[in-house]
Amino acid sequence: MKSVADTSISPAARSSRRGLEERYFQRMAAAVEEKTQLTDWVRGGRILDIGAGGGELAARIAELPDVKDVIALDDSDDAVAHLNEIDGITVRSGTADQLAELGLHDLDGIVMSSVLHEIASYNPRGPENGREAALANLAVIGGALAPGGVLIIRDFVTPADADRTLTLISPGEAGDALIGAYLEQVPVPELAALTASGPHSFTGSARAVSEALLTVNWGLESLPREAQEQYCQFELDELVQEVLGLGLGLSVVHREAWVQPGYRQHLSGWTVLEADGTPWFPDTKAIWVFEKAAANAPGSD
């Protein structure tokens, strides 16, 4: 089955994300093996991949034996062009808050891989309102699940005790320049609150240090795009509580956080220290799995 494109959502209604460069798709493709772990939680039926990007994950989901249909949703014209090259998936153009408008409901599974932080970062009210935008979108997304359906979220995670003070030590002058360029471009004042505190040293909150480290990881060329994305939106257990509080009949099935392969090696020249001098490194990814109560379950009416 060839991909089916749908462009019923006008460009004006889409988010303000920048055009996606080819290197963006190359990076996303390189991470497909790790993303594939999300398929462990897919139970079959009709599956929606929100923010499908280059489509590698959607293609993997389409290969699962019990999956009947995979709908790949993205609001970027560049991504839609990539998705339309993939057989076996249905391509839709739009954003997560437009699911009802797109007729996407009663879904057996919804997958979001590195999308929640983008919703927060590029929402129309500005990145300072990112958490509220993310939760508003999750309310729409959770409402689109069929009874018994699963919501699978893979994204960055805010460090526990995010307000504690840490020290970030750069590899030298080049690292200092990279931090300086980042601080000039990051749009949220809270995240720009890194203060020079010594030779090649910057002090700030655990969240600010994590955001800086995760962003400079991509290098100077990628800063114009990556500095606009606020990766760390929710702590591991915090997102669980927020989703349960939406009142959609969702329960948590699984959650965990980890450091992705390659991050420590790529950032080996950088050091992060706790206030007592203990070395620290942030978790770089987390997964949350939620299940919607079955129609005949107690309290599901």
Protein backbone atom coordinates (compact mmCIF):
# COMPACT_ATOMS: atom_id res chain seq x y z
CA MET A 1 0.00 0.00 0.00
CA LYS A 2 1.47 3.35 -1.00
CA SER A 3 1.47 6.25 1.45
CA VAL A 4 -1.67 8.37 1.33
CA ALA A 5 -1.11 12.11 1.79
CA ASP A 6 -3.68 14.43 3.36
CA THR A 7 -3.11 18.19 3.33
CA SER A 8 -6.45 19.30 4.75
CA ILE A 9 -4.76 21.42 7.43
CA SER A 10 -3.59 24.74 5.99
CA PRO A 11 0.04 25.83 6.47
CA ALA A 12 -1.19 28.81 8.50
CA ALA A 13 -2.66 26.45 11.10
CA ARG A 14 0.60 24.60 11.65
CA SER A 15 3.14 25.27 14.39
CA SER A 16 6.00 27.71 13.92
CA ARG A 17 8.74 25.09 13.74
CA ARG A 18 11.59 25.92 11.40
CA GLY A 19 12.08 23.96 8.20
CA LEU A 20 13.81 20.69 8.90
CA GLU A 21 17.31 20.32 7.50
CA GLU A 22 18.52 17.09 5.95
CA ARG A 23 20.94 16.53 8.84
CA TYR A 24 17.91 16.54 11.17
CA PHE A 25 16.49 13.55 9.32
CA GLN A 26 19.90 11.86 9.30
CA ARG A 27 20.13 12.17 13.08
CA MET A 28 16.61 10.85 13.56
CA ALA A 29 17.33 7.89 11.30
CA ALA A 30 20.49 7.09 13.23
CA ALA A 31 18.41 6.73 16.42
CA VAL A 32 15.85 4.34 14.96
CA GLU A 33 17.20 1.24 16.71
CA GLU A 34 16.73 2.85 20.10
CA LYS A 35 13.33 4.22 19.12
CA THR A 36 12.27 0.71 18.14
CA GLN A 37 12.00 -0.18 21.83
CA LEU A 38 8.71 1.71 21.74
CA THR A 39 7.27 -1.07 19.60
CA ASP A 40 7.51 -3.39 22.63
CA TRP A 41 4.47 -1.58 24.02
CA VAL A 42 2.40 -1.46 20.82
CA ARG A 43 -0.44 -3.97 21.03
CA GLY A 44 -1.75 -3.77 17.50
CA GLY A 45 -4.74 -2.26 15.78
CA ARG A 46 -4.78 1.31 14.53
CA ILE A 47 -1.66 3.25 15.57
CA LEU A 48 -0.90 6.96 15.32
CA ASP A 49 2.73 8.19 15.25
CA ILE A 50 2.68 11.87 16.19
CA GLY A 51 5.60 13.91 14.88
CA ALA A 52 6.66 11.03 12.65
CA GLY A 53 9.58 12.95 11.09
CA GLY A 54 11.46 10.80 8.59
CA GLY A 55 9.12 7.86 9.21
CA GLU A 56 11.62 5.20 10.31
CA LEU A 57 9.67 4.41 13.48
CA ALA A 58 6.31 4.41 11.68
CA ALA A 59 7.72 1.94 9.15
CA ARG A 60 8.89 -0.35 11.96
CA ILE A 61 5.49 -0.21 13.63
CA ALA A 62 3.79 -1.06 10.32
CA GLU A 63 5.78 -4.31 10.22
CA LEU A 64 4.33 -5.58 13.51
CA PRO A 65 2.00 -8.56 12.96
CA ASP A 66 -1.09 -7.24 14.79
CA VAL A 67 -0.96 -3.68 13.47
CA LYS A 68 -3.73 -2.91 10.98
CA ASP A 69 -2.93 0.69 10.09
CA VAL A 70 -0.19 3.19 10.92
CA ILE A 71 -0.99 6.87 10.58
CA ALA A 72 2.08 9.12 10.44
CA LEU A 73 1.27 12.68 11.48
CA ASP A 74 3.61 15.66 11.11
CA ASP A 75 3.19 19.41 10.63
CA SER A 76 6.40 19.96 8.69
CA ASP A 77 6.21 20.00 4.90
CA ASP A 78 9.75 18.60 4.82
CA ALA A 79 8.72 15.68 7.03
CA VAL A 80 5.56 15.00 5.03
CA ALA A 81 7.68 14.81 1.88
CA HIS A 82 9.88 12.18 3.54
CA LEU A 83 6.88 10.26 4.85
CA ASN A 84 5.26 10.08 1.43
CA GLU A 85 8.23 8.02 0.24
CA ILE A 86 7.38 5.20 2.65
CA ASP A 87 5.10 2.33 1.69
CA GLY A 88 2.59 0.88 4.14
CA ILE A 89 1.67 3.98 6.14
CA THR A 90 -0.99 6.67 5.91
CA VAL A 91 0.40 10.20 5.98
CA ARG A 92 -1.53 13.09 7.54
CA SER A 93 -0.45 16.70 7.82
CA GLY A 94 -1.27 18.54 11.02
CA THR A 95 -0.51 18.95 14.71
CA ALA A 96 -1.33 16.98 17.83
CA ASP A 97 -4.06 19.40 18.94
CA GLN A 98 -5.88 18.93 15.62
CA LEU A 99 -6.70 15.24 16.03
CA ALA A 100 -10.47 15.81 16.21
CA GLU A 101 -10.34 18.09 13.16
CA LEU A 102 -8.43 15.38 11.32
CA GLY A 103 -10.93 12.71 12.34
CA LEU A 104 -8.33 10.79 14.34
CA HIS A 105 -10.05 9.08 17.27
CA ASP A 106 -10.67 5.62 18.75
CA LEU A 107 -7.01 4.80 18.23
CA ASP A 108 -5.54 1.61 19.68
CA GLY A 109 -2.16 3.19 20.21
CA ILE A 110 -0.46 6.58 20.02
CA VAL A 111 3.32 6.93 19.87
CA MET A 112 5.22 10.17 20.51
CA SER A 113 8.99 9.99 20.10
CA SER A 114 10.83 13.22 21.04
CA VAL A 115 7.69 15.23 20.29
CA LEU A 116 6.38 16.43 23.65
CA HIS A 117 9.27 18.87 24.13
CA GLU A 118 8.76 20.21 20.59
CA ILE A 119 5.08 20.85 21.32
CA ALA A 120 6.19 22.79 24.40
CA SER A 121 8.96 24.68 22.61
CA TYR A 122 7.03 25.79 19.53
CA ASN A 123 3.55 26.41 20.94
CA PRO A 124 1.85 29.65 19.73
CA ARG A 125 1.91 31.21 23.23
CA GLY A 126 5.69 30.99 23.43
CA PRO A 127 8.14 28.59 25.10
CA GLU A 128 7.60 30.13 28.54
CA ASN A 129 4.14 28.50 28.43
CA GLY A 130 5.53 25.20 27.17
CA ARG A 131 4.42 22.92 30.01
CA GLU A 132 0.84 24.16 29.82
CA ALA A 133 0.83 23.64 26.05
CA ALA A 134 2.24 20.13 26.42
CA LEU A 135 -0.45 19.16 28.92
CA ALA A 136 -3.22 20.69 26.81
CA ASN A 137 -2.03 18.61 23.85
CA LEU A 138 -1.83 15.49 26.02
CA ALA A 139 -5.47 16.01 27.00
CA VAL A 140 -6.42 15.96 23.30
CA ILE A 141 -4.14 13.01 22.60
CA GLY A 142 -5.40 10.94 25.53
CA GLY A 143 -8.96 11.67 24.49
CA ALA A 144 -8.27 10.22 21.03
CA LEU A 145 -7.43 6.79 22.47
CA ALA A 146 -9.94 3.98 22.32
CA PRO A 147 -10.74 2.17 25.58
CA GLY A 148 -7.82 -0.15 26.28
CA GLY A 149 -5.53 1.88 24.03
CA VAL A 150 -1.95 2.76 24.96
CA LEU A 151 -0.07 6.06 24.87
CA ILE A 152 3.71 5.68 24.52
CA ILE A 153 5.89 8.75 25.10
CA ARG A 154 9.65 8.83 24.56
CA ASP A 155 11.27 12.16 25.34
CA PHE A 156 13.83 14.05 27.37
CA VAL A 157 13.37 14.21 31.13
CA THR A 158 13.95 16.95 33.68
CA PRO A 159 16.48 15.97 36.36
CA ALA A 160 15.12 15.35 39.85
CA ASP A 161 15.49 18.32 42.21
CA ALA A 162 15.81 20.51 39.12
CA ASP A 163 16.44 23.73 41.07
CA ARG A 164 19.58 22.54 42.86
CA THR A 165 22.82 24.26 41.90
CA LEU A 166 25.36 22.53 39.65
CA THR A 167 28.61 23.60 38.02
CA LEU A 168 29.26 22.98 34.32
CA ILE A 169 32.93 22.92 33.27
CA SER A 170 33.65 23.31 29.55
CA PRO A 171 36.59 21.77 27.65
CA GLY A 172 38.25 25.19 27.24
CA GLU A 173 37.91 28.34 25.16
CA ALA A 174 36.00 26.63 22.37
CA GLY A 175 33.55 25.26 24.92
CA ASP A 176 33.18 28.68 26.52
CA ALA A 177 32.35 30.16 23.11
CA LEU A 178 29.78 27.44 22.50
CA ILE A 179 28.09 28.16 25.83
CA GLY A 180 28.18 31.87 25.07
CA ALA A 181 26.51 31.34 21.70
CA TYR A 182 23.89 29.10 23.31
CA LEU A 183 23.06 31.66 26.01
CA GLU A 184 22.58 34.34 23.34
CA GLN A 185 20.02 32.20 21.51
CA VAL A 186 18.05 30.33 24.18
CA PRO A 187 14.65 32.10 24.45
CA VAL A 188 13.73 31.23 28.06
CA PRO A 189 15.37 33.43 30.73
CA GLU A 190 15.34 30.62 33.29
CA LEU A 191 17.56 28.52 31.00
CA ALA A 192 19.89 31.43 30.22
CA ALA A 193 20.66 31.76 33.95
CA LEU A 194 24.15 30.24 33.75
CA THR A 195 26.76 32.40 35.47
CA ALA A 196 30.49 32.30 34.82
CA SER A 197 31.98 31.11 38.11
CA GLY A 198 35.63 30.40 37.32
CA PRO A 199 37.95 29.33 34.51
CA HIS A 200 35.72 27.61 31.94
CA SER A 201 33.07 27.14 34.68
CA PHE A 202 29.38 28.05 34.68
CA THR A 203 26.96 27.70 37.59
CA GLY A 204 23.20 27.29 37.37
CA SER A 205 20.23 25.09 38.20
CA ALA A 206 20.26 21.40 37.32
CA ARG A 207 17.66 22.08 34.63
CA ALA A 208 19.64 24.97 33.11
CA VAL A 209 22.86 22.95 33.12
CA SER A 210 21.13 19.92 31.58
CA GLU A 211 19.54 22.01 28.84
CA ALA A 212 22.88 23.64 28.00
CA LEU A 213 24.74 20.32 27.94
CA LEU A 214 22.11 18.56 25.81
CA THR A 215 22.05 21.47 23.36
CA VAL A 216 25.78 22.07 22.87
CA ASN A 217 26.05 18.33 22.25
CA TRP A 218 24.82 19.06 18.71
CA GLY A 219 27.55 21.60 17.99
CA LEU A 220 27.69 25.22 16.87
CA GLU A 221 26.06 24.68 13.46
CA SER A 222 22.91 23.25 15.01
CA LEU A 223 22.48 25.94 17.67
CA PRO A 224 20.02 28.13 15.70
CA ARG A 225 17.54 25.27 15.76
CA GLU A 226 18.46 23.32 18.88
CA ALA A 227 18.63 26.36 21.21
CA GLN A 228 14.95 26.97 20.48
CA GLU A 229 13.98 23.58 21.88
CA GLN A 230 13.59 23.24 25.62
CA TYR A 231 14.24 19.56 26.11
CA CYS A 232 13.54 19.08 29.82
CA GLN A 233 9.85 19.68 30.54
CA PHE A 234 8.87 17.14 33.21
CA GLU A 235 10.55 14.99 35.82
CA LEU A 236 9.95 11.24 35.46
CA ASP A 237 7.27 10.88 38.13
CA GLU A 238 5.96 14.41 37.60
CA LEU A 239 4.69 13.64 34.09
CA VAL A 240 2.90 10.57 35.44
CA GLN A 241 1.04 12.67 37.99
CA GLU A 242 0.17 15.33 35.44
CA VAL A 243 -1.22 12.79 32.95
CA LEU A 244 -3.21 10.95 35.61
CA GLY A 245 -4.61 14.30 36.69
CA LEU A 246 -6.10 14.95 33.24
CA GLY A 247 -9.07 12.77 34.18
CA LEU A 248 -9.01 10.69 30.99
CA GLY A 249 -9.05 7.26 32.62
CA LEU A 250 -5.35 6.71 31.97
CA SER A 251 -3.12 4.63 34.23
CA VAL A 252 0.66 4.29 34.10
CA VAL A 253 2.01 0.95 32.85
CA HIS A 254 5.73 1.70 32.72
CA ARG A 255 8.26 4.51 33.15
CA GLU A 256 12.05 4.63 33.14
CA ALA A 257 14.89 7.02 32.35
CA TRP A 258 18.42 6.37 31.06
CA VAL A 259 21.52 7.86 29.47
CA GLN A 260 21.53 7.12 25.74
CA PRO A 261 24.60 5.43 24.25
CA GLY A 262 27.13 7.92 22.95
CA TYR A 263 26.23 10.96 25.05
CA ARG A 264 28.92 10.43 27.69
CA GLN A 265 31.54 9.77 25.02
CA HIS A 266 30.55 12.72 22.86
CA LEU A 267 30.54 15.05 25.88
CA SER A 268 33.58 13.50 27.52
CA GLY A 269 35.38 16.87 27.57
CA TRP A 270 32.60 18.41 29.65
CA THR A 271 32.20 17.95 33.42
CA VAL A 272 29.22 18.56 35.69
CA LEU A 273 29.70 18.76 39.45
CA GLU A 274 27.25 18.73 42.34
CA ALA A 275 27.69 21.38 45.05
CA ASP A 276 29.90 18.94 47.02
CA GLY A 277 32.10 18.21 43.99
CA THR A 278 30.50 14.87 43.08
CA PRO A 279 30.46 14.27 39.29
CA TRP A 280 26.99 14.10 37.75
CA PHE A 281 25.51 13.44 34.31
CA PRO A 282 21.84 13.87 33.32
CA ASP A 283 19.55 11.16 32.07
CA THR A 284 19.03 11.98 28.42
CA LYS A 285 15.83 10.10 27.63
CA ALA A 286 12.79 8.56 29.29
CA ILE A 287 9.82 6.46 28.30
CA TRP A 288 6.33 6.63 29.74
CA VAL A 289 3.56 4.15 28.86
CA PHE A 290 -0.07 4.81 29.77
CA GLU A 291 -3.18 2.69 29.22
CA LYS A 292 -6.74 3.91 28.88
CA ALA A 293 -9.31 2.09 30.95
CA ALA A 294 -11.40 -0.47 29.09
CA ALA A 295 -15.01 0.49 28.47
CA ASN A 296 -16.29 -2.02 31.04
CA ALA A 297 -13.66 -1.24 33.67
CA PRO A 298 -14.81 0.16 37.04
CA GLY A 299 -14.92 3.95 36.96
CA SER A 300 -14.61 4.13 33.16
CA ASP A 301 -18.11 5.47 32.58
